[in-house]
Amino acid sequence: MHIFRCKSYERLMEEAKDNQHLLKALGALDITLLGLGIIIGTGIFVLTGIGAAEYAGPGLMLSFVLAAVTCAFICLAYAELASFLPAAGSTYTYAYSSLGELFGWWVGWSLILEYSVGASAVAGGWSAYFSGILHAAGLDLPRQLIMVPAEGGWVNLPAVLIVVVSTALLIFGVQASAKINRLLVFIKLGTIFLFLFLAAPHINPLHWKPFLPFGVKGVVAGTAVLFFAYLGVDALATTAEEAKNPKRDMPIGILSALLLCTILYIAVCAVMTGVVPYPQLDTAAPASFVLEYIGLRFGSAIVGTGAICGLSTVILGMLFAQSRALYAMSRDGLIPMRLYKVHPRFRSPYIIQLLVGGVVAIITGFTPIHIVAEVCSAGTIFAFLCACVGILILRKRYPDKPRGFRCPAVKVIAPLGFIFCGFIFSQLSSCTMILFCVWTLIGFVVYGLYGYRHSELRKEEQ
């Protein structure tokens, strides 16, 4: 059937080789830092405290390990796929080449949901931290300018502005945005290390007893929650066409980012639960609370600054990944090809970037995003599931094609990744499942009315 036609390896490699539109400016370090920028954000500033207080206590450290192991299965698959098919589009491209056009569209449509809603939610968090710092300095913005209409305001102006600034940086090109991202990541990491330096001397080992107050079940429940702290790994694979040496740089960048993020998550969790009794960590700003708990009043400002830098890099990464996924879909004709246009000077897909930035700015400025934020996780997990299946299909279909990185024991790793992700997907709320299904149905209608009819592969077959 036409809807299951697959894009061939040869075609994808030819497109990546001949495509001179996107600037190849990213090395392994840039990709690693982009990963740190995307992954370290909301999780380390919010989920650590809530996870310890409500799910696993000090045993949350084990939850981080289990979540990292699950993500390691996914990252190993992504590392091979990104080095094997170094093309923009990430999981969309992998699904298109392995499972067929319909699944490729489904994944791409899911990624639109993930990145748009995710970036909007993070921008809302950025606004809250920014407003908090202004309040600490004695400068309060009018309530109407920091609240969405449903909350009694006019518009969340700081959230809109950070999206506009991030969009402008990305339009100026990947090289410029990578430099800004590198600076923000170093500031964020410096803030985290400063927190560890200030708080670690106050650790009381008695706070780690009992280590598993909620039992093994609590550790597993914490893993399901903390898994979302690693969302964004798939966004790294969208940089493949802009990597200097994708077969080397992609696996190094993806796996290095996962390892470094896991170490930092565990370290922060150990310090937090060692300094403050875990029941008291049930707060949306646990790092700031810990520093205030030990008498360091300036902790709120320090963590607030780090959070702003951290969330800024997440917004940059999500907007970047969204535009590259749409860029690949536009090139394939599944969405209007006029969006495929690249800026002649900055060599960035500026029309798509403007469209993405505008939509995200509207969502974050006028919508209480917490209502649908969890749905973005459903889209990501679905993409992970397709990646685990896709790598097995491509191994069988192209066994002798060169790969810069080969996933070890792929017949074990990929099924384990699928099983773990399937379990986590099953833990999502029924409301989230319904919303994801509705979004999927809308996507199938759009594909039937436009994507199927304008597909470049379909035109060639005719």
Protein backbone atom coordinates (compact mmCIF):
# COMPACT_ATOMS: atom_id res chain seq x y z
CA MET A 1 0.00 0.00 0.00
CA HIS A 2 1.15 3.54 -0.76
CA ILE A 3 0.76 4.66 2.86
CA PHE A 4 3.43 2.15 3.92
CA ARG A 5 5.99 3.04 1.23
CA CYS A 6 9.43 3.49 2.76
CA LYS A 7 12.08 6.05 1.95
CA SER A 8 15.21 4.19 0.87
CA TYR A 9 18.59 4.40 2.53
CA GLU A 10 20.18 5.46 -0.75
CA ARG A 11 17.75 8.36 -1.17
CA LEU A 12 18.25 9.60 2.37
CA MET A 13 22.03 9.48 2.07
CA GLU A 14 21.92 11.29 -1.26
CA GLU A 15 19.73 14.03 0.22
CA ALA A 16 22.04 14.45 3.21
CA LYS A 17 25.13 14.48 0.98
CA ASP A 18 23.78 16.85 -1.66
CA ASN A 19 21.96 19.16 0.73
CA GLN A 20 24.06 22.30 0.99
CA HIS A 21 21.30 24.40 2.55
CA LEU A 22 21.95 23.72 6.23
CA LEU A 23 25.31 24.76 7.66
CA LYS A 24 27.42 21.88 9.02
CA ALA A 25 28.76 23.64 12.10
CA LEU A 26 28.17 21.29 15.06
CA GLY A 27 30.89 19.16 16.61
CA ALA A 28 30.58 16.47 19.28
CA LEU A 29 31.00 19.08 22.04
CA ASP A 30 28.23 21.26 20.60
CA ILE A 31 25.87 18.28 20.39
CA THR A 32 26.73 17.23 23.96
CA LEU A 33 26.09 20.75 25.24
CA LEU A 34 22.85 20.96 23.28
CA GLY A 35 21.83 17.72 25.01
CA LEU A 36 22.72 19.13 28.43
CA GLY A 37 20.77 22.25 27.52
CA ILE A 38 17.64 20.33 26.56
CA ILE A 39 17.67 17.61 29.22
CA ILE A 40 18.82 19.55 32.30
CA GLY A 41 16.04 21.99 32.99
CA THR A 42 12.63 21.43 34.51
CA GLY A 43 13.66 18.03 35.88
CA ILE A 44 16.52 19.15 38.09
CA PHE A 45 14.76 22.31 39.28
CA VAL A 46 11.32 20.79 39.97
CA LEU A 47 10.96 17.00 39.76
CA THR A 48 13.74 16.10 42.20
CA GLY A 49 11.96 17.50 45.24
CA ILE A 50 8.49 16.27 44.30
CA GLY A 51 9.84 12.82 43.40
CA ALA A 52 11.58 12.43 46.77
CA ALA A 53 8.67 13.70 48.85
CA GLU A 54 5.84 11.87 47.11
CA TYR A 55 7.32 8.75 45.53
CA ALA A 56 10.67 7.35 46.65
CA GLY A 57 12.33 9.36 49.43
CA PRO A 58 16.15 9.06 49.34
CA GLY A 59 15.61 6.02 47.10
CA LEU A 60 14.91 8.52 44.33
CA MET A 61 18.61 8.13 43.51
CA LEU A 62 17.80 4.57 42.40
CA SER A 63 14.85 5.92 40.42
CA PHE A 64 17.24 8.16 38.52
CA VAL A 65 19.46 5.17 37.80
CA LEU A 66 16.53 3.10 36.50
CA ALA A 67 15.26 5.99 34.40
CA ALA A 68 18.75 6.46 32.99
CA VAL A 69 19.04 2.75 32.15
CA THR A 70 15.74 2.94 30.27
CA CYS A 71 16.93 6.02 28.41
CA ALA A 72 20.26 4.30 27.74
CA PHE A 73 18.42 1.65 25.72
CA ILE A 74 16.78 4.43 23.72
CA CYS A 75 20.00 6.44 23.37
CA LEU A 76 21.93 3.43 22.05
CA ALA A 77 19.25 3.00 19.39
CA TYR A 78 19.28 6.70 18.55
CA ALA A 79 23.08 6.78 18.41
CA GLU A 80 23.10 4.06 15.74
CA LEU A 81 20.16 5.50 13.83
CA ALA A 82 21.67 9.00 13.81
CA SER A 83 25.03 7.73 12.54
CA PHE A 84 23.37 5.40 10.02
CA LEU A 85 20.89 7.98 8.65
CA PRO A 86 22.46 11.42 9.25
CA ALA A 87 19.46 13.40 8.03
CA ALA A 88 17.32 16.09 9.61
CA GLY A 89 14.05 14.88 11.11
CA SER A 90 15.16 12.48 13.84
CA THR A 91 12.58 9.79 14.61
CA TYR A 92 10.35 11.00 11.78
CA THR A 93 13.07 10.10 9.27
CA TYR A 94 13.84 6.77 10.96
CA ALA A 95 10.16 5.76 10.99
CA TYR A 96 9.70 6.85 7.37
CA SER A 97 12.61 4.66 6.24
CA SER A 98 11.71 1.61 8.35
CA LEU A 99 7.96 1.54 9.09
CA GLY A 100 6.66 3.52 6.12
CA GLU A 101 5.16 6.90 5.32
CA LEU A 102 2.08 6.63 7.53
CA PHE A 103 4.14 5.85 10.64
CA GLY A 104 6.64 8.53 9.62
CA TRP A 105 3.83 11.05 9.47
CA TRP A 106 2.40 9.80 12.78
CA VAL A 107 5.75 10.23 14.52
CA GLY A 108 6.31 13.65 12.93
CA TRP A 109 2.83 14.75 13.99
CA SER A 110 3.54 13.53 17.53
CA LEU A 111 6.82 15.46 17.62
CA ILE A 112 4.95 18.63 16.66
CA LEU A 113 2.84 18.14 19.78
CA GLU A 114 5.84 17.35 21.97
CA TYR A 115 7.98 20.30 20.99
CA SER A 116 5.23 22.93 20.72
CA VAL A 117 3.50 22.13 23.99
CA GLY A 118 6.80 21.35 25.73
CA ALA A 119 8.44 24.63 24.69
CA SER A 120 5.31 26.54 25.73
CA ALA A 121 5.26 24.92 29.16
CA VAL A 122 8.96 25.58 29.73
CA ALA A 123 8.53 29.21 28.64
CA GLY A 124 5.80 29.53 31.27
CA GLY A 125 8.22 28.21 33.90
CA TRP A 126 10.90 30.63 32.68
CA SER A 127 8.44 33.48 33.17
CA ALA A 128 7.74 32.40 36.75
CA TYR A 129 11.44 32.33 37.68
CA PHE A 130 12.06 35.65 35.91
CA SER A 131 9.16 37.30 37.73
CA GLY A 132 10.46 35.88 41.01
CA ILE A 133 13.90 37.43 40.51
CA LEU A 134 12.32 40.80 39.67
CA HIS A 135 10.19 40.52 42.81
CA ALA A 136 13.30 39.83 44.92
CA ALA A 137 14.84 42.99 43.46
CA GLY A 138 11.74 45.01 44.34
CA LEU A 139 10.45 45.19 40.77
CA ASP A 140 7.01 43.68 40.29
CA LEU A 141 5.42 43.39 36.86
CA PRO A 142 1.66 44.04 36.67
CA ARG A 143 -0.29 40.85 37.24
CA GLN A 144 -2.06 41.34 33.92
CA LEU A 145 1.29 40.95 32.11
CA ILE A 146 2.44 37.72 33.78
CA MET A 147 -0.83 35.77 33.82
CA VAL A 148 -2.80 34.21 30.97
CA PRO A 149 -6.48 35.26 30.53
CA ALA A 150 -7.77 32.09 32.22
CA GLU A 151 -5.83 33.10 35.34
CA GLY A 152 -7.11 36.68 35.39
CA GLY A 153 -4.37 38.34 33.33
CA TRP A 154 -4.02 39.64 29.78
CA VAL A 155 -0.94 37.84 28.49
CA ASN A 156 2.13 36.10 29.91
CA LEU A 157 4.48 38.69 28.42
CA PRO A 158 7.86 37.38 29.72
CA ALA A 159 7.05 33.93 28.31
CA VAL A 160 6.20 35.43 24.92
CA LEU A 161 9.39 37.51 24.90
CA ILE A 162 11.71 34.58 25.65
CA VAL A 163 10.13 32.62 22.79
CA VAL A 164 10.59 35.60 20.44
CA VAL A 165 14.24 36.04 21.46
CA SER A 166 14.93 32.30 21.11
CA THR A 167 13.31 32.26 17.67
CA ALA A 168 15.44 35.22 16.55
CA LEU A 169 18.62 33.48 17.72
CA LEU A 170 17.72 30.33 15.78
CA ILE A 171 16.94 32.33 12.63
CA PHE A 172 20.41 33.88 12.82
CA GLY A 173 21.70 30.36 12.27
CA VAL A 174 22.74 27.23 14.11
CA GLN A 175 26.29 28.51 14.65
CA ALA A 176 25.15 31.66 16.46
CA SER A 177 22.51 29.84 18.52
CA ALA A 178 25.04 27.11 19.40
CA LYS A 179 27.39 29.74 20.84
CA ILE A 180 24.60 31.25 22.95
CA ASN A 181 23.51 27.77 24.05
CA ARG A 182 27.09 26.92 25.03
CA LEU A 183 27.31 30.03 27.23
CA LEU A 184 23.95 29.38 28.90
CA VAL A 185 24.79 25.73 29.53
CA PHE A 186 28.06 26.66 31.25
CA ILE A 187 26.24 29.21 33.43
CA LYS A 188 23.61 26.60 34.31
CA LEU A 189 26.22 23.96 35.14
CA GLY A 190 28.15 26.50 37.21
CA THR A 191 25.01 27.23 39.20
CA ILE A 192 24.41 23.52 39.83
CA PHE A 193 28.00 22.97 40.95
CA LEU A 194 27.74 26.01 43.24
CA PHE A 195 24.59 24.54 44.79
CA LEU A 196 26.40 21.23 45.39
CA PHE A 197 29.40 23.06 46.87
CA LEU A 198 27.27 25.11 49.26
CA ALA A 199 24.88 22.36 50.34
CA ALA A 200 27.06 19.22 50.45
CA PRO A 201 28.85 20.14 53.74
CA HIS A 202 25.46 20.16 55.48
CA ILE A 203 24.55 16.56 54.60
CA ASN A 204 23.25 14.51 57.53
CA PRO A 205 23.44 10.77 56.70
CA LEU A 206 20.55 10.11 59.10
CA HIS A 207 18.24 11.78 56.56
CA TRP A 208 18.93 8.86 54.20
CA LYS A 209 17.33 6.42 56.68
CA PRO A 210 15.12 4.70 55.80
CA PHE A 211 16.53 4.70 52.28
CA LEU A 212 13.38 3.18 50.74
CA PRO A 213 10.48 4.57 52.81
CA PHE A 214 7.98 3.75 50.05
CA GLY A 215 9.56 0.39 49.20
CA VAL A 216 10.58 -0.89 45.78
CA LYS A 217 7.19 0.12 44.43
CA GLY A 218 8.03 3.73 45.26
CA VAL A 219 11.31 3.50 43.36
CA VAL A 220 9.47 2.18 40.29
CA ALA A 221 6.82 4.90 40.57
CA GLY A 222 9.56 7.49 40.89
CA THR A 223 11.18 6.11 37.74
CA ALA A 224 7.99 6.67 35.75
CA VAL A 225 7.90 10.28 36.94
CA LEU A 226 11.60 10.98 36.46
CA PHE A 227 11.66 9.47 32.99
CA PHE A 228 10.21 12.76 31.80
CA ALA A 229 13.32 14.53 33.07
CA TYR A 230 15.17 12.88 30.17
CA LEU A 231 12.73 13.89 27.45
CA GLY A 232 14.55 15.70 24.68
CA VAL A 233 17.08 13.00 23.87
CA ASP A 234 15.32 12.55 20.54
CA ALA A 235 15.80 16.25 19.80
CA LEU A 236 19.56 15.69 19.55
CA ALA A 237 19.10 13.39 16.57
CA THR A 238 17.53 16.25 14.58
CA THR A 239 20.97 17.91 14.41
CA ALA A 240 22.46 15.13 12.26
CA GLU A 241 22.47 17.11 9.00
CA GLU A 242 24.25 20.01 10.70
CA ALA A 243 26.96 17.90 12.36
CA LYS A 244 30.47 18.21 10.96
CA ASN A 245 31.06 14.46 11.16
CA PRO A 246 27.70 12.87 12.03
CA LYS A 247 28.93 9.26 12.07
CA ARG A 248 31.36 10.17 14.86
CA ASP A 249 29.83 13.24 16.52
CA MET A 250 26.23 11.99 16.90
CA PRO A 251 26.86 8.89 19.07
CA ILE A 252 29.48 10.74 21.14
CA GLY A 253 27.16 13.69 21.73
CA ILE A 254 24.04 11.65 22.55
CA LEU A 255 25.67 9.17 24.93
CA SER A 256 27.87 11.81 26.62
CA ALA A 257 24.84 14.01 27.29
CA LEU A 258 22.94 11.12 28.89
CA LEU A 259 25.87 10.11 31.12
CA LEU A 260 26.62 13.64 32.33
CA CYS A 261 22.95 14.42 32.99
CA THR A 262 22.51 11.24 35.02
CA ILE A 263 25.56 11.98 37.18
CA LEU A 264 24.30 15.50 37.90
CA TYR A 265 20.75 14.32 38.66
CA ILE A 266 21.96 11.71 41.16
CA ALA A 267 24.38 14.16 42.81
CA VAL A 268 21.69 16.82 43.26
CA CYS A 269 19.22 14.23 44.58
CA ALA A 270 21.77 12.87 47.07
CA VAL A 271 22.54 16.34 48.41
CA MET A 272 18.91 17.43 48.65
CA THR A 273 17.74 14.33 50.51
CA GLY A 274 20.85 14.39 52.70
CA VAL A 275 20.41 18.00 53.81
CA VAL A 276 16.62 18.20 54.20
CA PRO A 277 14.26 15.43 55.41
CA TYR A 278 12.58 14.18 52.25
CA PRO A 279 8.94 14.94 53.30
CA GLN A 280 9.82 18.65 53.35
CA LEU A 281 11.02 18.65 49.73
CA ASP A 282 7.48 18.74 48.31
CA THR A 283 8.03 22.09 46.61
CA ALA A 284 8.34 23.32 43.04
CA ALA A 285 11.70 24.95 43.84
CA PRO A 286 13.57 22.34 45.91
CA ALA A 287 17.12 23.61 45.29
CA SER A 288 16.19 27.09 46.45
CA PHE A 289 14.38 25.62 49.46
CA VAL A 290 17.44 23.57 50.47
CA LEU A 291 19.72 26.62 50.47
CA GLU A 292 17.20 28.63 52.48
CA TYR A 293 16.85 25.67 54.89
CA ILE A 294 20.55 25.92 55.77
CA GLY A 295 20.38 29.70 56.13
CA LEU A 296 21.71 30.82 52.75
CA ARG A 297 19.12 33.46 51.87
CA PHE A 298 20.80 34.34 48.61
CA GLY A 299 20.09 30.79 47.43
CA SER A 300 16.81 31.80 45.83
CA ALA A 301 18.51 34.34 43.58
CA ILE A 302 21.30 31.90 42.65
CA VAL A 303 18.94 29.08 41.74
CA GLY A 304 16.60 31.50 40.00
CA THR A 305 19.44 32.69 37.78
CA GLY A 306 20.48 29.12 37.04
CA ALA A 307 16.89 28.14 36.32
CA ILE A 308 16.50 30.99 33.84
CA CYS A 309 19.66 29.90 32.01
CA GLY A 310 18.64 26.26 32.20
CA LEU A 311 15.12 26.77 30.93
CA SER A 312 16.40 29.11 28.20
CA THR A 313 18.51 26.31 26.76
CA VAL A 314 15.53 23.94 26.88
CA ILE A 315 13.41 26.42 24.93
CA LEU A 316 16.19 26.89 22.37
CA GLY A 317 16.59 23.14 21.98
CA MET A 318 12.88 22.43 21.57
CA LEU A 319 12.32 25.22 19.04
CA PHE A 320 15.39 24.04 17.14
CA ALA A 321 14.23 20.41 17.05
CA GLN A 322 10.69 21.40 16.05
CA SER A 323 11.88 23.40 13.06
CA ARG A 324 14.22 20.63 11.86
CA ALA A 325 11.51 17.97 12.06
CA LEU A 326 9.13 20.19 10.07
CA TYR A 327 11.96 20.96 7.64
CA ALA A 328 12.33 17.25 6.86
CA MET A 329 8.55 16.78 6.52
CA SER A 330 8.35 19.77 4.17
CA ARG A 331 11.18 18.40 2.03
CA ASP A 332 9.21 15.17 1.66
CA GLY A 333 6.08 17.05 0.61
CA LEU A 334 3.98 15.97 3.60
CA ILE A 335 3.50 19.62 4.56
CA PRO A 336 3.70 22.61 2.16
CA MET A 337 7.11 22.70 0.44
CA ARG A 338 7.30 26.50 0.57
CA LEU A 339 8.18 26.05 4.24
CA TYR A 340 11.37 24.30 3.05
CA LYS A 341 12.97 27.65 2.13
CA VAL A 342 16.33 28.39 3.78
CA HIS A 343 17.61 31.91 4.51
CA PRO A 344 20.30 32.80 1.93
CA ARG A 345 22.59 34.41 4.49
CA PHE A 346 22.02 32.57 7.76
CA ARG A 347 21.27 29.20 6.11
CA SER A 348 18.50 28.38 8.56
CA PRO A 349 14.89 27.34 7.72
CA TYR A 350 13.59 30.77 8.69
CA ILE A 351 10.00 30.44 7.45
CA ILE A 352 9.45 27.30 9.51
CA GLN A 353 11.26 28.89 12.47
CA LEU A 354 9.00 31.96 12.32
CA LEU A 355 5.91 29.76 12.10
CA VAL A 356 6.99 27.60 15.04
CA GLY A 357 7.99 30.59 17.16
CA GLY A 358 4.70 32.36 16.45
CA VAL A 359 2.57 29.35 17.37
CA VAL A 360 4.53 28.65 20.56
CA ALA A 361 4.41 32.33 21.58
CA ILE A 362 0.62 32.38 21.18
CA ILE A 363 0.17 29.15 23.15
CA THR A 364 2.42 30.18 26.03
CA GLY A 365 1.09 33.75 26.15
CA PHE A 366 -2.60 32.94 26.28
CA THR A 367 -3.07 29.31 27.35
CA PRO A 368 -2.84 27.66 30.81
CA ILE A 369 -0.49 25.04 29.45
CA HIS A 370 -0.52 22.74 32.50
CA ILE A 371 -3.83 21.32 31.25
CA VAL A 372 -2.22 19.61 28.25
CA ALA A 373 1.50 19.62 29.12
CA GLU A 374 1.63 15.90 29.94
CA VAL A 375 0.44 15.10 26.42
CA CYS A 376 3.85 16.09 25.06
CA SER A 377 5.32 13.14 26.97
CA ALA A 378 2.95 10.76 25.20
CA GLY A 379 4.19 11.98 21.83
CA THR A 380 7.81 11.51 22.86
CA ILE A 381 7.33 8.01 24.23
CA PHE A 382 5.52 6.99 21.05
CA ALA A 383 8.52 8.23 19.06
CA PHE A 384 10.82 6.18 21.32
CA LEU A 385 8.73 3.06 20.70
CA CYS A 386 9.01 3.54 16.93
CA ALA A 387 12.78 4.03 17.20
CA CYS A 388 13.15 0.70 19.04
CA VAL A 389 11.21 -1.10 16.29
CA GLY A 390 12.83 0.84 13.46
CA ILE A 391 16.40 -0.04 14.38
CA LEU A 392 15.60 -3.78 14.19
CA ILE A 393 13.93 -3.39 10.79
CA LEU A 394 16.81 -1.35 9.37
CA ARG A 395 19.39 -3.83 10.71
CA LYS A 396 17.60 -6.61 8.81
CA ARG A 397 16.91 -4.55 5.68
CA TYR A 398 20.41 -3.05 5.39
CA PRO A 399 22.72 -5.45 7.27
CA ASP A 400 25.90 -4.53 5.39
CA LYS A 401 25.53 -0.75 5.17
CA PRO A 402 28.19 1.24 7.08
CA ARG A 403 27.30 2.53 10.51
CA GLY A 404 29.43 4.94 12.51
CA PHE A 405 28.11 3.31 15.69
CA ARG A 406 26.46 -0.07 16.16
CA CYS A 407 24.16 -0.65 19.11
CA PRO A 408 25.58 -3.60 21.08
CA ALA A 409 23.28 -6.61 21.50
CA VAL A 410 20.61 -4.80 19.51
CA LYS A 411 18.24 -7.80 19.61
CA VAL A 412 18.20 -7.44 23.39
CA ILE A 413 18.58 -3.68 23.85
CA ALA A 414 15.84 -2.63 21.41
CA PRO A 415 13.14 -4.98 22.80
CA LEU A 416 14.02 -3.94 26.36
CA GLY A 417 13.72 -0.30 25.37
CA PHE A 418 10.33 -1.03 23.79
CA ILE A 419 9.08 -2.90 26.88
CA PHE A 420 10.27 -0.24 29.34
CA CYS A 421 8.79 2.60 27.25
CA GLY A 422 5.56 0.67 26.79
CA PHE A 423 5.26 0.28 30.56
CA ILE A 424 5.86 3.99 31.13
CA PHE A 425 3.35 4.86 28.41
CA SER A 426 0.78 2.70 30.21
CA GLN A 427 1.27 4.77 33.38
CA LEU A 428 0.03 7.99 31.72
CA SER A 429 -3.36 9.28 32.84
CA SER A 430 -6.51 8.35 30.94
CA CYS A 431 -7.06 12.03 30.11
CA THR A 432 -3.63 12.17 28.50
CA MET A 433 -4.35 9.03 26.50
CA ILE A 434 -7.61 10.52 25.21
CA LEU A 435 -5.95 13.81 24.22
CA PHE A 436 -3.15 11.95 22.44
CA CYS A 437 -5.69 9.85 20.53
CA VAL A 438 -7.61 12.98 19.51
CA TRP A 439 -4.40 14.64 18.31
CA THR A 440 -3.53 11.48 16.38
CA LEU A 441 -6.94 11.39 14.67
CA ILE A 442 -6.56 15.03 13.64
CA GLY A 443 -3.14 14.15 12.24
CA PHE A 444 -4.52 11.29 10.15
CA VAL A 445 -7.16 13.62 8.70
CA VAL A 446 -4.49 16.18 7.76
CA TYR A 447 -2.36 13.43 6.21
CA GLY A 448 -5.29 12.14 4.17
CA LEU A 449 -6.28 15.60 2.94
CA TYR A 450 -2.77 16.91 2.19
CA GLY A 451 0.25 14.74 3.05
CA TYR A 452 -0.79 11.64 1.11
CA ARG A 453 -1.68 13.64 -2.00
CA HIS A 454 1.50 15.74 -2.05
CA SER A 455 4.05 13.14 -0.95
CA GLU A 456 7.23 13.32 -3.05
CA LEU A 457 7.51 9.52 -3.03
CA ARG A 458 3.94 9.18 -4.30
CA LYS A 459 4.63 11.64 -7.12
CA GLU A 460 7.71 9.66 -8.18
CA GLU A 461 5.81 6.38 -8.15
CA GLN A 462 3.16 7.87 -10.42
